[in-house]
Each structure stands twice: as structure tokens, then as C-alpha cells.
Amino acid sequence: MGEKDQRVPRADGMRPHATAFVAHVTARNRLPLDYSVASLRVVDFLIDGLRKGGADRERARGTLFGLGAYVGEVLVRRAGAVWVDFDAGQRAYFGQRVGVRMPDGRVWNPLGKVDNRFGIGGPEESLQTFYLMLHGRARRAAA
């Protein structure tokens, strides 16, 4: 992995990273980032705002990573996922060091999904829809 990848937390550092990111972005803004499924719509809007504001991927890298960590943490808290360090094959396939494993054993790449929303945009890349269509999530009552 490249030098920039050394700063990417391992799986056990993703929850604290997501928590710190949320604290930072909500300190001066009243963004409803409460780890709910509905909050993923806010993430969609934030990413769309970055795109429309003309941010390039390099300038937005930290924010996109924080949003990806947040999306992954929503999967952990609401869908029964766990953060995992990807093996070499998964890293090559997903282009990320970490992701989440669902209760049925499937792995997903929330960091990459956020990158796709930024790069491609459009409703087919919605993070809220991603969650709602997600295979392998735990079936539990809404929290």
C-alpha cells in the first residue's frame, strides 16, 4: 500500500474515527448525523454539496473518508455488521484497507460507496438506497 494508506485506520480504529468525524462536523453545524438509516440521506446531500461546490477528490479526501467511516458505522450499529481489515484480495478488489462484514458473511465497502457517490453522483449511488437494498443485514426492529 502507498504512503497515504498508512494513515488509514485499521478496522479497530474505524468506530473512533467515525465518532471523531461526527463530533468535528457537527460542532458548529446542526447536522442530524445520529447513525440512523435516515441520516444516510444527509450524507447523500453532503457529498452532492461537495461535488456541486467544485471540490476535487484530493481536496475532499478527508471528508469523504470520514463520511465513509460514518456510513460503515451506520451499518455496524443498524445492520449488525462488524468492521474488518480486508485481506490482500479484498484490498485489490475494493481498493480499500477496511470494510464491513455483514451477519451473513458478505463484505461491503462503505468507503468505496462514498467515493462512488462523489465521483458518479446520481440516485443510483445513494447511500440511503445502498442501505435499504443491502443484502445480509440483520433483521431487527427500527431503533
C-alpha atoms as a PDB file:
ATOM      1  CA  MET A   1       0.000   0.000   0.000  1.00  0.00           C
ATOM      2  CA  GLY A   2       1.133   3.528  -0.670  1.00  0.00           C
ATOM      3  CA  GLU A   3       2.336   6.068   1.845  1.00  0.00           C
ATOM      4  CA  LYS A   4      -1.076   7.757   2.128  1.00  0.00           C
ATOM      5  CA  ASP A   5      -2.634   4.392   3.038  1.00  0.00           C
ATOM      6  CA  GLN A   6      -0.547   4.234   6.204  1.00  0.00           C
ATOM      7  CA  ARG A   7      -2.858   6.865   7.736  1.00  0.00           C
ATOM      8  CA  VAL A   8      -5.974   4.775   7.156  1.00  0.00           C
ATOM      9  CA  PRO A   9      -7.104   3.238  10.440  1.00  0.00           C
ATOM     10  CA  ARG A  10      -7.361  -0.499  10.763  1.00  0.00           C
ATOM     11  CA  ALA A  11     -10.781  -1.994  11.450  1.00  0.00           C
ATOM     12  CA  ASP A  12     -10.482  -1.454  15.207  1.00  0.00           C
ATOM     13  CA  GLY A  13      -9.896   2.265  14.625  1.00  0.00           C
ATOM     14  CA  MET A  14     -12.887   2.917  12.401  1.00  0.00           C
ATOM     15  CA  ARG A  15     -15.512   3.422  15.123  1.00  0.00           C
ATOM     16  CA  PRO A  16     -13.384   6.031  16.947  1.00  0.00           C
ATOM     17  CA  HIS A  17     -12.626   7.694  13.595  1.00  0.00           C
ATOM     18  CA  ALA A  18     -16.334   7.892  12.711  1.00  0.00           C
ATOM     19  CA  THR A  19     -17.160   9.243  16.185  1.00  0.00           C
ATOM     20  CA  ALA A  20     -14.453  11.922  15.977  1.00  0.00           C
ATOM     21  CA  PHE A  21     -15.559  12.875  12.459  1.00  0.00           C
ATOM     22  CA  VAL A  22     -19.181  13.302  13.561  1.00  0.00           C
ATOM     23  CA  ALA A  23     -18.103  15.392  16.578  1.00  0.00           C
ATOM     24  CA  HIS A  24     -15.997  17.601  14.311  1.00  0.00           C
ATOM     25  CA  VAL A  25     -18.599  18.211  11.585  1.00  0.00           C
ATOM     26  CA  THR A  26     -21.482  18.705  13.994  1.00  0.00           C
ATOM     27  CA  ALA A  27     -19.605  21.018  16.402  1.00  0.00           C
ATOM     28  CA  ARG A  28     -20.709  24.159  14.532  1.00  0.00           C
ATOM     29  CA  ASN A  29     -23.493  22.711  12.395  1.00  0.00           C
ATOM     30  CA  ARG A  30     -26.711  21.073  13.434  1.00  0.00           C
ATOM     31  CA  LEU A  31     -26.338  18.151  11.062  1.00  0.00           C
ATOM     32  CA  PRO A  32     -28.520  15.199  12.072  1.00  0.00           C
ATOM     33  CA  LEU A  33     -25.747  12.605  11.936  1.00  0.00           C
ATOM     34  CA  ASP A  34     -27.246  10.270  14.516  1.00  0.00           C
ATOM     35  CA  TYR A  35     -26.260   6.906  12.961  1.00  0.00           C
ATOM     36  CA  SER A  36     -29.819   6.338  11.775  1.00  0.00           C
ATOM     37  CA  VAL A  37     -30.700   4.958   8.366  1.00  0.00           C
ATOM     38  CA  ALA A  38     -32.465   8.265   7.628  1.00  0.00           C
ATOM     39  CA  SER A  39     -29.194  10.135   8.271  1.00  0.00           C
ATOM     40  CA  LEU A  40     -27.699   8.472   5.202  1.00  0.00           C
ATOM     41  CA  ARG A  41     -29.834  10.853   3.147  1.00  0.00           C
ATOM     42  CA  VAL A  42     -27.922  13.698   4.826  1.00  0.00           C
ATOM     43  CA  VAL A  43     -24.673  12.023   3.745  1.00  0.00           C
ATOM     44  CA  ASP A  44     -26.003  11.942   0.167  1.00  0.00           C
ATOM     45  CA  PHE A  45     -26.720  15.686   0.371  1.00  0.00           C
ATOM     46  CA  LEU A  46     -23.299  16.455   1.879  1.00  0.00           C
ATOM     47  CA  ILE A  47     -21.486  14.577  -0.874  1.00  0.00           C
ATOM     48  CA  ASP A  48     -23.635  16.230  -3.533  1.00  0.00           C
ATOM     49  CA  GLY A  49     -22.751  19.592  -1.984  1.00  0.00           C
ATOM     50  CA  LEU A  50     -19.041  18.823  -2.219  1.00  0.00           C
ATOM     51  CA  ARG A  51     -19.448  17.922  -5.890  1.00  0.00           C
ATOM     52  CA  LYS A  52     -21.532  20.986  -6.718  1.00  0.00           C
ATOM     53  CA  GLY A  53     -19.139  23.186  -4.769  1.00  0.00           C
ATOM     54  CA  GLY A  54     -16.344  22.135  -7.092  1.00  0.00           C
ATOM     55  CA  ALA A  55     -14.240  20.190  -4.597  1.00  0.00           C
ATOM     56  CA  ASP A  56     -11.783  17.852  -6.260  1.00  0.00           C
ATOM     57  CA  ARG A  57     -11.230  14.363  -4.907  1.00  0.00           C
ATOM     58  CA  GLU A  58      -7.853  15.201  -3.369  1.00  0.00           C
ATOM     59  CA  ARG A  59      -9.194  18.235  -1.508  1.00  0.00           C
ATOM     60  CA  ALA A  60     -12.233  16.288  -0.332  1.00  0.00           C
ATOM     61  CA  ARG A  61     -10.302  13.118   0.604  1.00  0.00           C
ATOM     62  CA  GLY A  62     -10.503  13.546   4.392  1.00  0.00           C
ATOM     63  CA  THR A  63     -14.177  14.475   4.367  1.00  0.00           C
ATOM     64  CA  LEU A  64     -15.032  11.588   2.042  1.00  0.00           C
ATOM     65  CA  PHE A  65     -13.130   9.174   4.271  1.00  0.00           C
ATOM     66  CA  GLY A  66     -14.953  10.496   7.336  1.00  0.00           C
ATOM     67  CA  LEU A  67     -18.301  10.123   5.588  1.00  0.00           C
ATOM     68  CA  GLY A  68     -17.356   6.580   4.525  1.00  0.00           C
ATOM     69  CA  ALA A  69     -16.445   5.747   8.109  1.00  0.00           C
ATOM     70  CA  TYR A  70     -19.794   7.158   9.197  1.00  0.00           C
ATOM     71  CA  VAL A  71     -21.694   5.071   6.620  1.00  0.00           C
ATOM     72  CA  GLY A  72     -19.815   1.976   7.755  1.00  0.00           C
ATOM     73  CA  GLU A  73     -20.632   2.743  11.363  1.00  0.00           C
ATOM     74  CA  VAL A  74     -24.332   3.033  10.463  1.00  0.00           C
ATOM     75  CA  LEU A  75     -24.034  -0.484   9.016  1.00  0.00           C
ATOM     76  CA  VAL A  76     -22.387  -1.651  12.231  1.00  0.00           C
ATOM     77  CA  ARG A  77     -24.972  -0.073  14.522  1.00  0.00           C
ATOM     78  CA  ARG A  78     -28.113  -0.695  12.457  1.00  0.00           C
ATOM     79  CA  ALA A  79     -27.457  -3.741  10.286  1.00  0.00           C
ATOM     80  CA  GLY A  80     -25.345  -5.956  12.551  1.00  0.00           C
ATOM     81  CA  ALA A  81     -22.108  -5.507  10.566  1.00  0.00           C
ATOM     82  CA  VAL A  82     -18.600  -5.531  12.027  1.00  0.00           C
ATOM     83  CA  TRP A  83     -15.559  -3.624  10.820  1.00  0.00           C
ATOM     84  CA  VAL A  84     -12.944  -5.892   9.216  1.00  0.00           C
ATOM     85  CA  ASP A  85      -9.482  -5.485   7.757  1.00  0.00           C
ATOM     86  CA  PHE A  86      -9.636  -6.666   4.172  1.00  0.00           C
ATOM     87  CA  ASP A  87      -7.290  -9.416   3.059  1.00  0.00           C
ATOM     88  CA  ALA A  88      -4.978  -8.815   0.076  1.00  0.00           C
ATOM     89  CA  GLY A  89      -7.544  -9.989  -2.478  1.00  0.00           C
ATOM     90  CA  GLN A  90     -10.289  -7.844  -0.994  1.00  0.00           C
ATOM     91  CA  ARG A  91      -7.967  -4.821  -0.848  1.00  0.00           C
ATOM     92  CA  ALA A  92      -7.160  -5.293  -4.521  1.00  0.00           C
ATOM     93  CA  TYR A  93     -10.829  -5.685  -5.441  1.00  0.00           C
ATOM     94  CA  PHE A  94     -12.246  -2.864  -3.313  1.00  0.00           C
ATOM     95  CA  GLY A  95      -9.256  -0.511  -3.321  1.00  0.00           C
ATOM     96  CA  GLN A  96      -9.606  -0.040   0.453  1.00  0.00           C
ATOM     97  CA  ARG A  97      -7.942  -1.479   3.549  1.00  0.00           C
ATOM     98  CA  VAL A  98     -11.099  -1.836   5.631  1.00  0.00           C
ATOM     99  CA  GLY A  99     -14.762  -2.577   5.185  1.00  0.00           C
ATOM    100  CA  VAL A 100     -17.611  -4.287   6.962  1.00  0.00           C
ATOM    101  CA  ARG A 101     -18.760  -7.887   7.222  1.00  0.00           C
ATOM    102  CA  MET A 102     -22.490  -8.469   7.433  1.00  0.00           C
ATOM    103  CA  PRO A 103     -24.121 -11.122   9.647  1.00  0.00           C
ATOM    104  CA  ASP A 104     -24.442 -13.437   6.623  1.00  0.00           C
ATOM    105  CA  GLY A 105     -20.673 -13.207   5.952  1.00  0.00           C
ATOM    106  CA  ARG A 106     -20.782 -10.852   2.959  1.00  0.00           C
ATOM    107  CA  VAL A 107     -18.299  -7.992   2.929  1.00  0.00           C
ATOM    108  CA  TRP A 108     -19.134  -4.485   1.789  1.00  0.00           C
ATOM    109  CA  ASN A 109     -17.112  -1.390   1.068  1.00  0.00           C
ATOM    110  CA  PRO A 110     -18.782   1.748   2.504  1.00  0.00           C
ATOM    111  CA  LEU A 111     -15.670   3.864   1.892  1.00  0.00           C
ATOM    112  CA  GLY A 112     -15.760   2.970  -1.785  1.00  0.00           C
ATOM    113  CA  LYS A 113     -19.502   3.565  -1.950  1.00  0.00           C
ATOM    114  CA  VAL A 114     -18.946   7.141  -0.704  1.00  0.00           C
ATOM    115  CA  ASP A 115     -16.203   7.608  -3.318  1.00  0.00           C
ATOM    116  CA  ASN A 116     -18.625   6.383  -5.986  1.00  0.00           C
ATOM    117  CA  ARG A 117     -21.308   8.825  -4.847  1.00  0.00           C
ATOM    118  CA  PHE A 118     -18.775  11.648  -5.100  1.00  0.00           C
ATOM    119  CA  GLY A 119     -17.371  10.560  -8.456  1.00  0.00           C
ATOM    120  CA  ILE A 120     -20.519   9.436 -10.215  1.00  0.00           C
ATOM    121  CA  GLY A 121     -23.361  11.023  -8.261  1.00  0.00           C
ATOM    122  CA  GLY A 122     -26.943  10.319  -9.108  1.00  0.00           C
ATOM    123  CA  PRO A 123     -29.686   8.401  -7.363  1.00  0.00           C
ATOM    124  CA  GLU A 124     -28.191   5.011  -8.244  1.00  0.00           C
ATOM    125  CA  GLU A 125     -25.282   5.840  -5.932  1.00  0.00           C
ATOM    126  CA  SER A 126     -27.463   6.914  -2.989  1.00  0.00           C
ATOM    127  CA  LEU A 127     -26.115   5.744   0.351  1.00  0.00           C
ATOM    128  CA  GLN A 128     -29.574   5.538   1.864  1.00  0.00           C
ATOM    129  CA  THR A 129     -30.699   3.308  -1.011  1.00  0.00           C
ATOM    130  CA  PHE A 130     -27.491   1.283  -0.608  1.00  0.00           C
ATOM    131  CA  TYR A 131     -28.507   0.516   2.970  1.00  0.00           C
ATOM    132  CA  LEU A 132     -32.119  -0.252   2.126  1.00  0.00           C
ATOM    133  CA  MET A 133     -31.116  -2.640  -0.679  1.00  0.00           C
ATOM    134  CA  LEU A 134     -28.249  -4.196   1.277  1.00  0.00           C
ATOM    135  CA  HIS A 135     -28.148  -7.965   1.343  1.00  0.00           C
ATOM    136  CA  GLY A 136     -27.167  -9.717   4.537  1.00  0.00           C
ATOM    137  CA  ARG A 137     -28.186  -7.122   7.078  1.00  0.00           C
ATOM    138  CA  ALA A 138     -29.659  -8.226  10.380  1.00  0.00           C
ATOM    139  CA  ARG A 139     -33.417  -8.047  10.572  1.00  0.00           C
ATOM    140  CA  ARG A 140     -34.271  -6.148  13.707  1.00  0.00           C
ATOM    141  CA  ALA A 141     -36.772  -3.579  14.856  1.00  0.00           C
ATOM    142  CA  ALA A 142     -36.020   0.014  13.915  1.00  0.00           C
ATOM    143  CA  ALA A 143     -34.092   1.796  16.633  1.00  0.00           C
END
